[in-house]
């Protein structure tokens, strides 16, 4: 059960941080001409940031290594 809570927390934290980052990128840098697909709209930028944040934080997993007897080291 603890593993599931950790996994869900990592997804939620990654999505939240990514969404905030995506919005801040649009706000401070953005696309002046409006021809950029992602950064021309705050919605697109926020969704893209949330997706990337969620995927990025979930690439880090803590796996316990096991020796030959099956015991965790």
N, C-alpha and C. Protein backbone atom coordinates (compact mmCIF):
# COMPACT_ATOMS: atom_id res chain seq x y z
N UNK A 1 0.82 -1.19 0.00
CA UNK A 1 0.00 0.00 0.00
C UNK A 1 0.86 1.25 0.00
N UNK A 2 1.98 1.20 0.71
CA UNK A 2 2.86 2.36 0.76
C UNK A 2 3.45 2.65 -0.62
N UNK A 3 3.73 1.59 -1.37
CA UNK A 3 4.26 1.77 -2.72
C UNK A 3 3.27 2.50 -3.61
N UNK A 4 1.99 2.16 -3.50
CA UNK A 4 0.96 2.79 -4.31
C UNK A 4 0.83 4.27 -3.96
N UNK A 5 0.87 4.59 -2.68
CA UNK A 5 0.78 6.00 -2.26
C UNK A 5 1.97 6.79 -2.77
N UNK A 6 3.15 6.19 -2.72
CA UNK A 6 4.35 6.86 -3.22
C UNK A 6 4.25 7.10 -4.72
N UNK A 7 3.76 6.11 -5.44
CA UNK A 7 3.63 6.24 -6.89
C UNK A 7 2.63 7.34 -7.25
N UNK A 8 1.50 7.35 -6.56
CA UNK A 8 0.49 8.38 -6.83
C UNK A 8 1.02 9.76 -6.47
N UNK A 9 1.73 9.86 -5.34
CA UNK A 9 2.30 11.15 -4.94
C UNK A 9 3.29 11.65 -5.99
N UNK A 10 4.12 10.75 -6.53
CA UNK A 10 5.08 11.17 -7.55
C UNK A 10 4.38 11.66 -8.81
N UNK A 11 3.30 11.00 -9.21
CA UNK A 11 2.55 11.46 -10.37
C UNK A 11 1.94 12.84 -10.14
N UNK A 12 1.28 13.00 -9.00
CA UNK A 12 0.61 14.27 -8.70
C UNK A 12 1.63 15.39 -8.56
N UNK A 13 2.73 15.13 -7.87
CA UNK A 13 3.77 16.16 -7.71
C UNK A 13 4.38 16.52 -9.06
N UNK A 14 4.64 15.54 -9.89
CA UNK A 14 5.22 15.80 -11.20
C UNK A 14 4.30 16.60 -12.09
N UNK A 15 3.02 16.26 -12.06
CA UNK A 15 2.05 16.99 -12.87
C UNK A 15 1.90 18.42 -12.38
N UNK A 16 1.85 18.60 -11.06
CA UNK A 16 1.70 19.95 -10.51
C UNK A 16 2.91 20.83 -10.82
N UNK A 17 4.10 20.30 -10.58
CA UNK A 17 5.32 21.07 -10.85
C UNK A 17 5.45 21.37 -12.34
N UNK A 18 5.14 20.39 -13.18
CA UNK A 18 5.21 20.60 -14.62
C UNK A 18 4.20 21.62 -15.12
N UNK A 19 2.99 21.57 -14.57
CA UNK A 19 1.96 22.54 -14.98
C UNK A 19 2.37 23.96 -14.59
N UNK A 20 2.88 24.12 -13.39
CA UNK A 20 3.34 25.44 -12.97
C UNK A 20 4.50 25.91 -13.84
N UNK A 21 5.42 25.00 -14.11
CA UNK A 21 6.55 25.33 -14.97
C UNK A 21 6.13 25.69 -16.38
N UNK A 22 5.16 24.96 -16.93
CA UNK A 22 4.66 25.25 -18.27
C UNK A 22 3.99 26.61 -18.34
N UNK A 23 3.21 26.93 -17.31
CA UNK A 23 2.55 28.23 -17.29
C UNK A 23 3.57 29.36 -17.16
N UNK A 24 4.54 29.17 -16.27
CA UNK A 24 5.57 30.20 -16.09
C UNK A 24 6.40 30.38 -17.36
N UNK A 25 6.64 29.30 -18.08
CA UNK A 25 7.36 29.42 -19.35
C UNK A 25 6.55 30.26 -20.33
N UNK A 26 5.25 29.99 -20.42
CA UNK A 26 4.41 30.79 -21.32
C UNK A 26 4.40 32.24 -20.88
N UNK A 27 4.28 32.50 -19.58
CA UNK A 27 4.16 33.85 -19.07
C UNK A 27 5.42 34.68 -19.31
N UNK A 28 6.58 34.09 -19.01
CA UNK A 28 7.82 34.86 -19.10
C UNK A 28 8.50 34.77 -20.47
N UNK A 29 8.38 33.68 -21.16
CA UNK A 29 9.08 33.53 -22.44
C UNK A 29 8.08 33.51 -23.58
N UNK A 30 7.21 32.51 -23.59
CA UNK A 30 6.11 32.45 -24.54
C UNK A 30 6.50 32.56 -26.00
N UNK A 31 5.52 32.92 -26.80
CA UNK A 31 5.71 33.07 -28.24
C UNK A 31 4.98 34.35 -28.66
N UNK A 32 5.74 35.33 -29.05
CA UNK A 32 5.17 36.63 -29.37
C UNK A 32 4.33 36.59 -30.64
N UNK A 33 4.79 35.86 -31.64
CA UNK A 33 4.10 35.86 -32.93
C UNK A 33 2.81 35.05 -32.93
N UNK A 34 2.68 34.10 -32.01
CA UNK A 34 1.49 33.27 -31.96
C UNK A 34 1.53 32.08 -32.88
N UNK A 35 2.65 31.86 -33.56
CA UNK A 35 2.75 30.73 -34.48
C UNK A 35 3.33 29.48 -33.85
N UNK A 36 3.72 29.56 -32.59
CA UNK A 36 4.28 28.40 -31.90
C UNK A 36 3.13 27.53 -31.39
N UNK A 37 3.20 26.24 -31.65
CA UNK A 37 2.09 25.35 -31.30
C UNK A 37 1.91 25.21 -29.80
N UNK A 38 2.98 25.10 -29.05
CA UNK A 38 2.87 24.84 -27.62
C UNK A 38 2.85 26.13 -26.81
N UNK A 39 3.74 27.04 -27.09
CA UNK A 39 3.92 28.20 -26.22
C UNK A 39 3.06 29.41 -26.60
N UNK A 40 2.21 29.29 -27.60
CA UNK A 40 1.38 30.44 -27.97
C UNK A 40 0.16 30.58 -27.06
N UNK A 41 -0.22 29.52 -26.37
CA UNK A 41 -1.40 29.54 -25.52
C UNK A 41 -1.02 29.06 -24.12
N UNK A 42 -1.56 29.70 -23.08
CA UNK A 42 -1.23 29.23 -21.72
C UNK A 42 -1.80 27.84 -21.43
N UNK A 43 -2.91 27.50 -22.04
CA UNK A 43 -3.50 26.17 -21.83
C UNK A 43 -2.59 25.10 -22.42
N UNK A 44 -2.16 25.29 -23.66
CA UNK A 44 -1.27 24.32 -24.30
C UNK A 44 0.04 24.18 -23.53
N UNK A 45 0.59 25.28 -23.13
CA UNK A 45 1.87 25.25 -22.42
C UNK A 45 1.73 24.57 -21.06
N UNK A 46 0.63 24.82 -20.36
CA UNK A 46 0.41 24.21 -19.05
C UNK A 46 0.18 22.71 -19.18
N UNK A 47 -0.61 22.30 -20.15
CA UNK A 47 -0.85 20.86 -20.36
C UNK A 47 0.43 20.15 -20.75
N UNK A 48 1.19 20.73 -21.64
CA UNK A 48 2.46 20.12 -22.06
C UNK A 48 3.42 20.03 -20.88
N UNK A 49 3.50 21.08 -20.07
CA UNK A 49 4.36 21.06 -18.89
C UNK A 49 3.92 20.00 -17.89
N UNK A 50 2.62 19.85 -17.69
CA UNK A 50 2.11 18.83 -16.78
C UNK A 50 2.45 17.43 -17.26
N UNK A 51 2.30 17.20 -18.54
CA UNK A 51 2.64 15.90 -19.12
C UNK A 51 4.12 15.59 -18.95
N UNK A 52 4.96 16.55 -19.30
CA UNK A 52 6.40 16.34 -19.18
C UNK A 52 6.84 16.19 -17.73
N UNK A 53 6.25 16.97 -16.83
CA UNK A 53 6.58 16.87 -15.41
C UNK A 53 6.21 15.53 -14.82
N UNK A 54 5.03 15.05 -15.16
CA UNK A 54 4.60 13.74 -14.69
C UNK A 54 5.48 12.62 -15.19
N UNK A 55 5.81 12.67 -16.45
CA UNK A 55 6.68 11.64 -17.03
C UNK A 55 8.09 11.71 -16.46
N UNK A 56 8.59 12.92 -16.27
CA UNK A 56 9.96 13.08 -15.78
C UNK A 56 10.12 12.57 -14.36
N UNK A 57 9.22 12.94 -13.47
CA UNK A 57 9.36 12.50 -12.08
C UNK A 57 9.15 11.00 -11.92
N UNK A 58 8.43 10.38 -12.82
CA UNK A 58 8.20 8.95 -12.71
C UNK A 58 9.31 8.12 -13.35
N UNK A 59 10.31 8.76 -13.90
CA UNK A 59 11.44 7.99 -14.41
C UNK A 59 12.37 7.59 -13.28
N UNK A 60 12.25 8.23 -12.12
CA UNK A 60 13.09 7.91 -10.98
C UNK A 60 12.38 6.89 -10.10
N UNK A 61 12.94 5.70 -10.03
CA UNK A 61 12.37 4.66 -9.18
C UNK A 61 13.44 4.15 -8.24
N UNK A 62 13.04 3.85 -7.04
CA UNK A 62 13.98 3.27 -6.09
C UNK A 62 13.75 1.77 -6.06
N UNK A 63 14.67 1.04 -6.62
CA UNK A 63 14.58 -0.41 -6.64
C UNK A 63 15.63 -0.97 -5.68
N UNK A 64 15.20 -1.85 -4.83
CA UNK A 64 16.13 -2.48 -3.90
C UNK A 64 16.83 -3.62 -4.63
N UNK A 65 18.14 -3.67 -4.52
CA UNK A 65 18.87 -4.76 -5.13
C UNK A 65 18.86 -5.96 -4.20
N UNK A 66 18.87 -7.13 -4.80
CA UNK A 66 18.82 -8.37 -4.02
C UNK A 66 20.05 -9.20 -4.33
N UNK A 67 20.55 -9.87 -3.30
CA UNK A 67 21.67 -10.77 -3.53
C UNK A 67 21.14 -12.13 -3.98
N UNK A 68 22.01 -13.14 -4.08
CA UNK A 68 21.63 -14.44 -4.59
C UNK A 68 20.62 -15.15 -3.72
N UNK A 69 20.57 -14.87 -2.44
CA UNK A 69 19.64 -15.56 -1.54
C UNK A 69 18.25 -14.93 -1.56
N UNK A 70 18.09 -13.81 -2.23
CA UNK A 70 16.79 -13.14 -2.33
C UNK A 70 16.57 -12.11 -1.25
N UNK A 71 17.55 -11.92 -0.37
CA UNK A 71 17.41 -10.92 0.69
C UNK A 71 17.81 -9.55 0.15
N UNK A 72 17.09 -8.55 0.60
CA UNK A 72 17.43 -7.18 0.20
C UNK A 72 18.72 -6.75 0.86
N UNK A 73 19.52 -6.04 0.12
CA UNK A 73 20.80 -5.55 0.65
C UNK A 73 20.60 -4.18 1.25
